[in-house]
PDB file of all heavy atoms in Angstrom:
ATOM      1  N   PHE A   1     119.225  10.312 -20.702  1.00  0.00           N
ATOM      2  CA  PHE A   1     119.286   9.748 -19.389  1.00  0.00           C
ATOM      3  C   PHE A   1     118.812  10.754 -18.318  1.00  0.00           C
ATOM      4  O   PHE A   1     118.113  10.269 -17.389  1.00  0.00           O
ATOM      5  CB  PHE A   1     120.810   9.348 -19.078  1.00  0.00           C
ATOM      6  CG  PHE A   1     120.949   8.881 -17.674  1.00  0.00           C
ATOM      7  CD1 PHE A   1     120.559   7.645 -17.298  1.00  0.00           C
ATOM      8  CD2 PHE A   1     121.465   9.682 -16.637  1.00  0.00           C
ATOM      9  CE1 PHE A   1     120.761   7.060 -16.008  1.00  0.00           C
ATOM     10  CE2 PHE A   1     121.577   9.268 -15.336  1.00  0.00           C
ATOM     11  CZ  PHE A   1     121.254   7.953 -15.029  1.00  0.00           C
ATOM     12  N   PRO A   2     119.203  12.034 -18.382  1.00  0.00           N
ATOM     13  CA  PRO A   2     118.644  12.964 -17.384  1.00  0.00           C
ATOM     14  C   PRO A   2     117.145  12.993 -17.326  1.00  0.00           C
ATOM     15  O   PRO A   2     116.518  12.977 -16.242  1.00  0.00           O
ATOM     16  CB  PRO A   2     119.206  14.337 -17.769  1.00  0.00           C
ATOM     17  CG  PRO A   2     120.385  14.036 -18.587  1.00  0.00           C
ATOM     18  CD  PRO A   2     120.160  12.740 -19.279  1.00  0.00           C
ATOM     19  N   LEU A   3     116.455  12.879 -18.472  1.00  0.00           N
ATOM     20  CA  LEU A   3     115.016  12.848 -18.559  1.00  0.00           C
ATOM     21  C   LEU A   3     114.528  11.611 -17.938  1.00  0.00           C
ATOM     22  O   LEU A   3     113.585  11.560 -17.126  1.00  0.00           O
ATOM     23  CB  LEU A   3     114.486  13.074 -19.978  1.00  0.00           C
ATOM     24  CG  LEU A   3     113.004  12.936 -20.153  1.00  0.00           C
ATOM     25  CD1 LEU A   3     112.288  14.066 -19.396  1.00  0.00           C
ATOM     26  CD2 LEU A   3     112.709  12.940 -21.679  1.00  0.00           C
ATOM     27  N   ILE A   4     115.142  10.496 -18.295  1.00  0.00           N
ATOM     28  CA  ILE A   4     114.707   9.190 -17.794  1.00  0.00           C
ATOM     29  C   ILE A   4     114.913   9.108 -16.283  1.00  0.00           C
ATOM     30  O   ILE A   4     113.976   8.637 -15.612  1.00  0.00           O
ATOM     31  CB  ILE A   4     115.435   8.069 -18.486  1.00  0.00           C
ATOM     32  CG1 ILE A   4     115.131   8.047 -19.995  1.00  0.00           C
ATOM     33  CG2 ILE A   4     115.130   6.675 -17.895  1.00  0.00           C
ATOM     34  CD1 ILE A   4     116.004   7.080 -20.818  1.00  0.00           C
ATOM     35  N   ALA A   5     115.992   9.589 -15.782  1.00  0.00           N
ATOM     36  CA  ALA A   5     116.228   9.555 -14.368  1.00  0.00           C
ATOM     37  C   ALA A   5     115.241  10.499 -13.614  1.00  0.00           C
ATOM     38  O   ALA A   5     114.760  10.161 -12.489  1.00  0.00           O
ATOM     39  CB  ALA A   5     117.694  10.019 -14.053  1.00  0.00           C
ATOM     40  N   ALA A   6     114.919  11.649 -14.244  1.00  0.00           N
ATOM     41  CA  ALA A   6     113.976  12.494 -13.606  1.00  0.00           C
ATOM     42  C   ALA A   6     112.567  11.839 -13.546  1.00  0.00           C
ATOM     43  O   ALA A   6     111.854  11.965 -12.568  1.00  0.00           O
ATOM     44  CB  ALA A   6     113.880  13.829 -14.400  1.00  0.00           C
ATOM     45  N   GLN A   7     112.177  11.079 -14.567  1.00  0.00           N
ATOM     46  CA  GLN A   7     110.900  10.421 -14.586  1.00  0.00           C
ATOM     47  C   GLN A   7     110.861   9.318 -13.545  1.00  0.00           C
ATOM     48  O   GLN A   7     109.863   9.077 -12.877  1.00  0.00           O
ATOM     49  CB  GLN A   7     110.572   9.854 -15.964  1.00  0.00           C
ATOM     50  CG  GLN A   7     110.425  10.907 -17.077  1.00  0.00           C
ATOM     51  CD  GLN A   7     109.322  11.916 -16.771  1.00  0.00           C
ATOM     52  OE1 GLN A   7     108.256  11.620 -16.320  1.00  0.00           O
ATOM     53  NE2 GLN A   7     109.690  13.254 -16.947  1.00  0.00           N
ATOM     54  N   ILE A   8     111.955   8.594 -13.398  1.00  0.00           N
ATOM     55  CA  ILE A   8     112.011   7.577 -12.336  1.00  0.00           C
ATOM     56  C   ILE A   8     111.880   8.183 -10.967  1.00  0.00           C
ATOM     57  O   ILE A   8     111.170   7.687 -10.094  1.00  0.00           O
ATOM     58  CB  ILE A   8     113.372   6.773 -12.457  1.00  0.00           C
ATOM     59  CG1 ILE A   8     113.370   5.987 -13.790  1.00  0.00           C
ATOM     60  CG2 ILE A   8     113.530   5.819 -11.253  1.00  0.00           C
ATOM     61  CD1 ILE A   8     114.694   5.338 -14.079  1.00  0.00           C
ATOM     62  N   TYR A   9     112.617   9.299 -10.767  1.00  0.00           N
ATOM     63  CA  TYR A   9     112.506   9.944  -9.482  1.00  0.00           C
ATOM     64  C   TYR A   9     111.128  10.465  -9.191  1.00  0.00           C
ATOM     65  O   TYR A   9     110.589  10.323  -8.107  1.00  0.00           O
ATOM     66  CB  TYR A   9     113.518  11.139  -9.443  1.00  0.00           C
ATOM     67  CG  TYR A   9     113.398  11.932  -8.178  1.00  0.00           C
ATOM     68  CD1 TYR A   9     113.963  11.430  -6.961  1.00  0.00           C
ATOM     69  CD2 TYR A   9     112.821  13.178  -8.139  1.00  0.00           C
ATOM     70  CE1 TYR A   9     113.840  12.192  -5.772  1.00  0.00           C
ATOM     71  CE2 TYR A   9     112.693  13.960  -7.010  1.00  0.00           C
ATOM     72  CZ  TYR A   9     113.263  13.416  -5.853  1.00  0.00           C
ATOM     73  OH  TYR A   9     113.154  14.137  -4.670  1.00  0.00           O
ATOM     74  N   LYS A  10     110.426  11.079 -10.215  1.00  0.00           N
ATOM     75  CA  LYS A  10     109.132  11.599 -10.014  1.00  0.00           C
ATOM     76  C   LYS A  10     108.111  10.422  -9.705  1.00  0.00           C
ATOM     77  O   LYS A  10     107.115  10.668  -9.002  1.00  0.00           O
ATOM     78  CB  LYS A  10     108.600  12.367 -11.240  1.00  0.00           C
ATOM     79  CG  LYS A  10     109.352  13.734 -11.442  1.00  0.00           C
ATOM     80  CD  LYS A  10     108.883  14.461 -12.727  1.00  0.00           C
ATOM     81  CE  LYS A  10     109.561  15.787 -12.813  1.00  0.00           C
ATOM     82  NZ  LYS A  10     109.072  16.482 -14.039  1.00  0.00           N
ATOM     83  N   PHE A  11     108.385   9.186 -10.238  1.00  0.00           N
ATOM     84  CA  PHE A  11     107.515   8.057  -9.974  1.00  0.00           C
ATOM     85  C   PHE A  11     107.685   7.578  -8.607  1.00  0.00           C
ATOM     86  O   PHE A  11     106.734   7.163  -7.856  1.00  0.00           O
ATOM     87  CB  PHE A  11     107.721   7.018 -10.956  1.00  0.00           C
ATOM     88  CG  PHE A  11     106.831   5.803 -10.821  1.00  0.00           C
ATOM     89  CD1 PHE A  11     105.525   5.833 -11.087  1.00  0.00           C
ATOM     90  CD2 PHE A  11     107.423   4.646 -10.303  1.00  0.00           C
ATOM     91  CE1 PHE A  11     104.682   4.685 -10.842  1.00  0.00           C
ATOM     92  CE2 PHE A  11     106.633   3.492 -10.092  1.00  0.00           C
ATOM     93  CZ  PHE A  11     105.320   3.573 -10.388  1.00  0.00           C
ATOM     94  N   VAL A  12     108.991   7.602  -8.146  1.00  0.00           N
ATOM     95  CA  VAL A  12     109.350   6.970  -6.821  1.00  0.00           C
ATOM     96  C   VAL A  12     109.118   7.965  -5.684  1.00  0.00           C
ATOM     97  O   VAL A  12     108.731   7.594  -4.579  1.00  0.00           O
ATOM     98  CB  VAL A  12     110.773   6.436  -6.873  1.00  0.00           C
ATOM     99  CG1 VAL A  12     111.226   5.966  -5.474  1.00  0.00           C
ATOM    100  CG2 VAL A  12     110.962   5.307  -7.877  1.00  0.00           C
ATOM    101  N   ALA A  13     109.318   9.252  -5.981  1.00  0.00           N
ATOM    102  CA  ALA A  13     109.288  10.278  -4.863  1.00  0.00           C
ATOM    103  C   ALA A  13     108.132  10.284  -4.058  1.00  0.00           C
ATOM    104  O   ALA A  13     108.254  10.500  -2.869  1.00  0.00           O
ATOM    105  CB  ALA A  13     109.648  11.661  -5.538  1.00  0.00           C
ATOM    106  N   PRO A  14     106.886  10.233  -4.603  1.00  0.00           N
ATOM    107  CA  PRO A  14     105.672  10.273  -3.739  1.00  0.00           C
ATOM    108  C   PRO A  14     105.646   9.217  -2.682  1.00  0.00           C
ATOM    109  O   PRO A  14     104.939   9.308  -1.622  1.00  0.00           O
ATOM    110  CB  PRO A  14     104.535  10.102  -4.729  1.00  0.00           C
ATOM    111  CG  PRO A  14     105.086  10.655  -6.014  1.00  0.00           C
ATOM    112  CD  PRO A  14     106.491  10.150  -6.044  1.00  0.00           C
ATOM    113  N   GLY A  15     106.336   8.065  -2.915  1.00  0.00           N
ATOM    114  CA  GLY A  15     106.298   6.990  -1.944  1.00  0.00           C
ATOM    115  C   GLY A  15     107.443   7.090  -0.842  1.00  0.00           C
ATOM    116  O   GLY A  15     107.619   6.247  -0.070  1.00  0.00           O
ATOM    117  N   LEU A  16     108.265   8.257  -0.906  1.00  0.00           N
ATOM    118  CA  LEU A  16     109.389   8.419   0.020  1.00  0.00           C
ATOM    119  C   LEU A  16     108.995   9.489   1.007  1.00  0.00           C
ATOM    120  O   LEU A  16     108.187  10.360   0.777  1.00  0.00           O
ATOM    121  CB  LEU A  16     110.606   8.770  -0.817  1.00  0.00           C
ATOM    122  CG  LEU A  16     111.116   7.873  -1.834  1.00  0.00           C
ATOM    123  CD1 LEU A  16     112.335   8.544  -2.549  1.00  0.00           C
ATOM    124  CD2 LEU A  16     111.524   6.554  -1.271  1.00  0.00           C
ATOM    125  N   TYR A  17     109.603   9.378   2.169  1.00  0.00           N
ATOM    126  CA  TYR A  17     109.470  10.419   3.193  1.00  0.00           C
ATOM    127  C   TYR A  17     110.244  11.649   2.694  1.00  0.00           C
ATOM    128  O   TYR A  17     111.065  11.570   1.813  1.00  0.00           O
ATOM    129  CB  TYR A  17     109.982   9.964   4.557  1.00  0.00           C
ATOM    130  CG  TYR A  17     109.139   8.885   5.173  1.00  0.00           C
ATOM    131  CD1 TYR A  17     109.675   7.657   5.531  1.00  0.00           C
ATOM    132  CD2 TYR A  17     107.830   9.083   5.459  1.00  0.00           C
ATOM    133  CE1 TYR A  17     108.982   6.668   6.136  1.00  0.00           C
ATOM    134  CE2 TYR A  17     107.071   8.099   6.040  1.00  0.00           C
ATOM    135  CZ  TYR A  17     107.678   6.866   6.405  1.00  0.00           C
ATOM    136  OH  TYR A  17     106.831   5.931   6.956  1.00  0.00           O
ATOM    137  N   LYS A  18     109.968  12.774   3.376  1.00  0.00           N
ATOM    138  CA  LYS A  18     110.588  13.980   2.942  1.00  0.00           C
ATOM    139  C   LYS A  18     112.117  13.935   3.095  1.00  0.00           C
ATOM    140  O   LYS A  18     112.900  14.329   2.228  1.00  0.00           O
ATOM    141  CB  LYS A  18     110.080  15.186   3.746  1.00  0.00           C
ATOM    142  CG  LYS A  18     110.557  16.548   3.262  1.00  0.00           C
ATOM    143  CD  LYS A  18     109.995  17.657   4.109  1.00  0.00           C
ATOM    144  CE  LYS A  18     108.508  17.763   4.034  1.00  0.00           C
ATOM    145  NZ  LYS A  18     108.001  18.932   4.843  1.00  0.00           N
ATOM    146  N   ASN A  19     112.528  13.384   4.179  1.00  0.00           N
ATOM    147  CA  ASN A  19     114.058  13.251   4.436  1.00  0.00           C
ATOM    148  C   ASN A  19     114.642  12.239   3.465  1.00  0.00           C
ATOM    149  O   ASN A  19     115.805  12.366   3.109  1.00  0.00           O
ATOM    150  CB  ASN A  19     114.342  12.824   5.961  1.00  0.00           C
ATOM    151  CG  ASN A  19     113.665  11.488   6.222  1.00  0.00           C
ATOM    152  OD1 ASN A  19     112.694  11.042   5.614  1.00  0.00           O
ATOM    153  ND2 ASN A  19     114.233  10.749   7.227  1.00  0.00           N
ATOM    154  N   GLU A  20     113.862  11.243   3.056  1.00  0.00           N
ATOM    155  CA  GLU A  20     114.414  10.269   2.058  1.00  0.00           C
ATOM    156  C   GLU A  20     114.546  10.945   0.684  1.00  0.00           C
ATOM    157  O   GLU A  20     115.539  10.740  -0.046  1.00  0.00           O
ATOM    158  CB  GLU A  20     113.494   9.073   1.959  1.00  0.00           C
ATOM    159  CG  GLU A  20     113.552   8.231   3.251  1.00  0.00           C
ATOM    160  CD  GLU A  20     112.534   7.097   3.207  1.00  0.00           C
ATOM    161  OE1 GLU A  20     111.551   7.218   2.411  1.00  0.00           O
ATOM    162  OE2 GLU A  20     112.724   6.092   3.879  1.00  0.00           O
ATOM    163  N   ARG A  21     113.630  11.819   0.295  1.00  0.00           N
ATOM    164  CA  ARG A  21     113.682  12.562  -0.955  1.00  0.00           C
ATOM    165  C   ARG A  21     114.904  13.469  -0.943  1.00  0.00           C
ATOM    166  O   ARG A  21     115.605  13.517  -1.888  1.00  0.00           O
ATOM    167  CB  ARG A  21     112.478  13.317  -1.191  1.00  0.00           C
ATOM    168  CG  ARG A  21     111.206  12.417  -1.496  1.00  0.00           C
ATOM    169  CD  ARG A  21     110.048  13.194  -2.063  1.00  0.00           C
ATOM    170  NE  ARG A  21     109.529  14.165  -1.161  1.00  0.00           N
ATOM    171  CZ  ARG A  21     108.473  13.903  -0.377  1.00  0.00           C
ATOM    172  NH1 ARG A  21     107.912  12.709  -0.374  1.00  0.00           N
ATOM    173  NH2 ARG A  21     107.980  14.837   0.508  1.00  0.00           N
ATOM    174  N   ARG A  22     115.150  14.179   0.215  1.00  0.00           N
ATOM    175  CA  ARG A  22     116.287  15.007   0.285  1.00  0.00           C
ATOM    176  C   ARG A  22     117.579  14.223   0.212  1.00  0.00           C
ATOM    177  O   ARG A  22     118.590  14.787  -0.348  1.00  0.00           O
ATOM    178  CB  ARG A  22     116.208  15.821   1.597  1.00  0.00           C
ATOM    179  CG  ARG A  22     115.199  16.934   1.605  1.00  0.00           C
ATOM    180  CD  ARG A  22     115.508  17.987   2.717  1.00  0.00           C
ATOM    181  NE  ARG A  22     115.586  17.343   3.991  1.00  0.00           N
ATOM    182  CZ  ARG A  22     114.597  17.290   4.875  1.00  0.00           C
ATOM    183  NH1 ARG A  22     113.417  17.853   4.574  1.00  0.00           N
ATOM    184  NH2 ARG A  22     114.762  16.654   6.092  1.00  0.00           N
ATOM    185  N   ALA A  23     117.601  13.070   0.678  1.00  0.00           N
ATOM    186  CA  ALA A  23     118.809  12.243   0.691  1.00  0.00           C
ATOM    187  C   ALA A  23     119.100  11.663  -0.711  1.00  0.00           C
ATOM    188  O   ALA A  23     120.261  11.507  -1.072  1.00  0.00           O
ATOM    189  CB  ALA A  23     118.755  11.122   1.707  1.00  0.00           C
ATOM    190  N   PHE A  24     117.982  11.330  -1.393  1.00  0.00           N
ATOM    191  CA  PHE A  24     118.108  10.655  -2.632  1.00  0.00           C
ATOM    192  C   PHE A  24     118.470  11.606  -3.813  1.00  0.00           C
ATOM    193  O   PHE A  24     119.213  11.295  -4.756  1.00  0.00           O
ATOM    194  CB  PHE A  24     116.792   9.913  -2.972  1.00  0.00           C
ATOM    195  CG  PHE A  24     116.847   9.125  -4.320  1.00  0.00           C
ATOM    196  CD1 PHE A  24     117.535   7.912  -4.230  1.00  0.00           C
ATOM    197  CD2 PHE A  24     116.188   9.512  -5.410  1.00  0.00           C
ATOM    198  CE1 PHE A  24     117.639   7.090  -5.462  1.00  0.00           C
ATOM    199  CE2 PHE A  24     116.270   8.688  -6.574  1.00  0.00           C
ATOM    200  CZ  PHE A  24     116.970   7.550  -6.601  1.00  0.00           C
ATOM    201  N   LEU A  25     117.975  12.885  -3.743  1.00  0.00           N
ATOM    202  CA  LEU A  25     118.130  13.774  -4.903  1.00  0.00           C
ATOM    203  C   LEU A  25     119.613  14.107  -5.236  1.00  0.00           C
ATOM    204  O   LEU A  25     119.910  14.195  -6.414  1.00  0.00           O
ATOM    205  CB  LEU A  25     117.377  15.082  -4.510  1.00  0.00           C
ATOM    206  CG  LEU A  25     117.166  16.120  -5.709  1.00  0.00           C
ATOM    207  CD1 LEU A  25     116.534  15.418  -6.906  1.00  0.00           C
ATOM    208  CD2 LEU A  25     116.353  17.282  -5.203  1.00  0.00           C
ATOM    209  N   PRO A  26     120.506  14.399  -4.231  1.00  0.00           N
ATOM    210  CA  PRO A  26     121.870  14.661  -4.574  1.00  0.00           C
ATOM    211  C   PRO A  26     122.542  13.501  -5.423  1.00  0.00           C
ATOM    212  O   PRO A  26     123.337  13.760  -6.250  1.00  0.00           O
ATOM    213  CB  PRO A  26     122.607  14.809  -3.264  1.00  0.00           C
ATOM    214  CG  PRO A  26     121.519  15.183  -2.317  1.00  0.00           C
ATOM    215  CD  PRO A  26     120.302  14.462  -2.794  1.00  0.00           C
ATOM    216  N   PHE A  27     122.193  12.239  -5.058  1.00  0.00           N
ATOM    217  CA  PHE A  27     122.778  11.159  -5.864  1.00  0.00           C
ATOM    218  C   PHE A  27     122.218  11.072  -7.201  1.00  0.00           C
ATOM    219  O   PHE A  27     122.929  10.664  -8.196  1.00  0.00           O
ATOM    220  CB  PHE A  27     122.421   9.837  -5.056  1.00  0.00           C
ATOM    221  CG  PHE A  27     123.068   9.734  -3.726  1.00  0.00           C
ATOM    222  CD1 PHE A  27     122.300   9.979  -2.610  1.00  0.00           C
ATOM    223  CD2 PHE A  27     124.400   9.544  -3.534  1.00  0.00           C
ATOM    224  CE1 PHE A  27     122.858   9.860  -1.334  1.00  0.00           C
ATOM    225  CE2 PHE A  27     124.988   9.457  -2.303  1.00  0.00           C
ATOM    226  CZ  PHE A  27     124.212   9.602  -1.178  1.00  0.00           C
ATOM    227  N   LEU A  28     120.995  11.552  -7.431  1.00  0.00           N
ATOM    228  CA  LEU A  28     120.484  11.614  -8.784  1.00  0.00           C
ATOM    229  C   LEU A  28     121.267  12.592  -9.618  1.00  0.00           C
ATOM    230  O   LEU A  28     121.356  12.428 -10.895  1.00  0.00           O
ATOM    231  CB  LEU A  28     119.017  12.029  -8.709  1.00  0.00           C
ATOM    232  CG  LEU A  28     118.161  11.835  -9.998  1.00  0.00           C
ATOM    233  CD1 LEU A  28     118.030  10.300 -10.326  1.00  0.00           C
ATOM    234  CD2 LEU A  28     116.734  12.356  -9.804  1.00  0.00           C
ATOM    235  N   VAL A  29     121.749  13.619  -9.023  1.00  0.00           N
ATOM    236  CA  VAL A  29     122.605  14.637  -9.737  1.00  0.00           C
ATOM    237  C   VAL A  29     123.963  14.082  -9.929  1.00  0.00           C
ATOM    238  O   VAL A  29     124.572  14.343 -10.999  1.00  0.00           O
ATOM    239  CB  VAL A  29     122.498  15.984  -8.985  1.00  0.00           C
ATOM    240  CG1 VAL A  29     123.484  16.951  -9.683  1.00  0.00           C
ATOM    241  CG2 VAL A  29     121.108  16.538  -8.892  1.00  0.00           C
ATOM    242  N   ALA A  30     124.505  13.454  -8.887  1.00  0.00           N
ATOM    243  CA  ALA A  30     125.907  13.036  -8.929  1.00  0.00           C
ATOM    244  C   ALA A  30     126.169  11.865  -9.905  1.00  0.00           C
ATOM    245  O   ALA A  30     127.285  11.823 -10.582  1.00  0.00           O
ATOM    246  CB  ALA A  30     126.400  12.547  -7.541  1.00  0.00           C
ATOM    247  N   SER A  31     125.133  11.007 -10.087  1.00  0.00           N
ATOM    248  CA  SER A  31     125.319   9.861 -10.947  1.00  0.00           C
ATOM    249  C   SER A  31     125.714  10.189 -12.394  1.00  0.00           C
ATOM    250  O   SER A  31     126.697   9.692 -12.912  1.00  0.00           O
ATOM    251  CB  SER A  31     124.048   8.957 -10.965  1.00  0.00           C
ATOM    252  OG  SER A  31     124.162   7.875 -11.712  1.00  0.00           O
ATOM    253  N   PRO A  32     124.899  11.093 -13.108  1.00  0.00           N
ATOM    254  CA  PRO A  32     125.333  11.431 -14.509  1.00  0.00           C
ATOM    255  C   PRO A  32     126.643  12.189 -14.558  1.00  0.00           C
ATOM    256  O   PRO A  32     127.430  12.045 -15.478  1.00  0.00           O
ATOM    257  CB  PRO A  32     124.192  12.299 -15.077  1.00  0.00           C
ATOM    258  CG  PRO A  32     123.478  12.736 -13.823  1.00  0.00           C
ATOM    259  CD  PRO A  32     123.669  11.740 -12.817  1.00  0.00           C
ATOM    260  N   ILE A  33     126.957  12.968 -13.563  1.00  0.00           N
ATOM    261  CA  ILE A  33     128.220  13.732 -13.534  1.00  0.00           C
ATOM    262  C   ILE A  33     129.415  12.721 -13.456  1.00  0.00           C
ATOM    263  O   ILE A  33     130.392  12.811 -14.181  1.00  0.00           O
ATOM    264  CB  ILE A  33     128.246  14.702 -12.349  1.00  0.00           C
ATOM    265  CG1 ILE A  33     127.230  15.811 -12.589  1.00  0.00           C
ATOM    266  CG2 ILE A  33     129.660  15.332 -12.122  1.00  0.00           C
ATOM    267  CD1 ILE A  33     127.114  16.797 -11.407  1.00  0.00           C
ATOM    268  N   LEU A  34     129.305  11.730 -12.565  1.00  0.00           N
ATOM    269  CA  LEU A  34     130.355  10.749 -12.435  1.00  0.00           C
ATOM    270  C   LEU A  34     130.448   9.903 -13.687  1.00  0.00           C
ATOM    271  O   LEU A  34     131.615   9.559 -14.056  1.00  0.00           O
ATOM    272  CB  LEU A  34     130.050   9.881 -11.237  1.00  0.00           C
ATOM    273  CG  LEU A  34     130.248  10.484  -9.837  1.00  0.00           C
ATOM    274  CD1 LEU A  34     129.765   9.589  -8.733  1.00  0.00           C
ATOM    275  CD2 LEU A  34     131.723  10.859  -9.614  1.00  0.00           C
TER     276      LEU A  34
END
């Protein structure tokens, strides 16, 4: 899952603004922890 989530983020990230990428990344880390 961490690898799959990272690949999804890398695919979506170029289409996001810088502030959107900063906002989305913490949730990508929090999701597997929860």
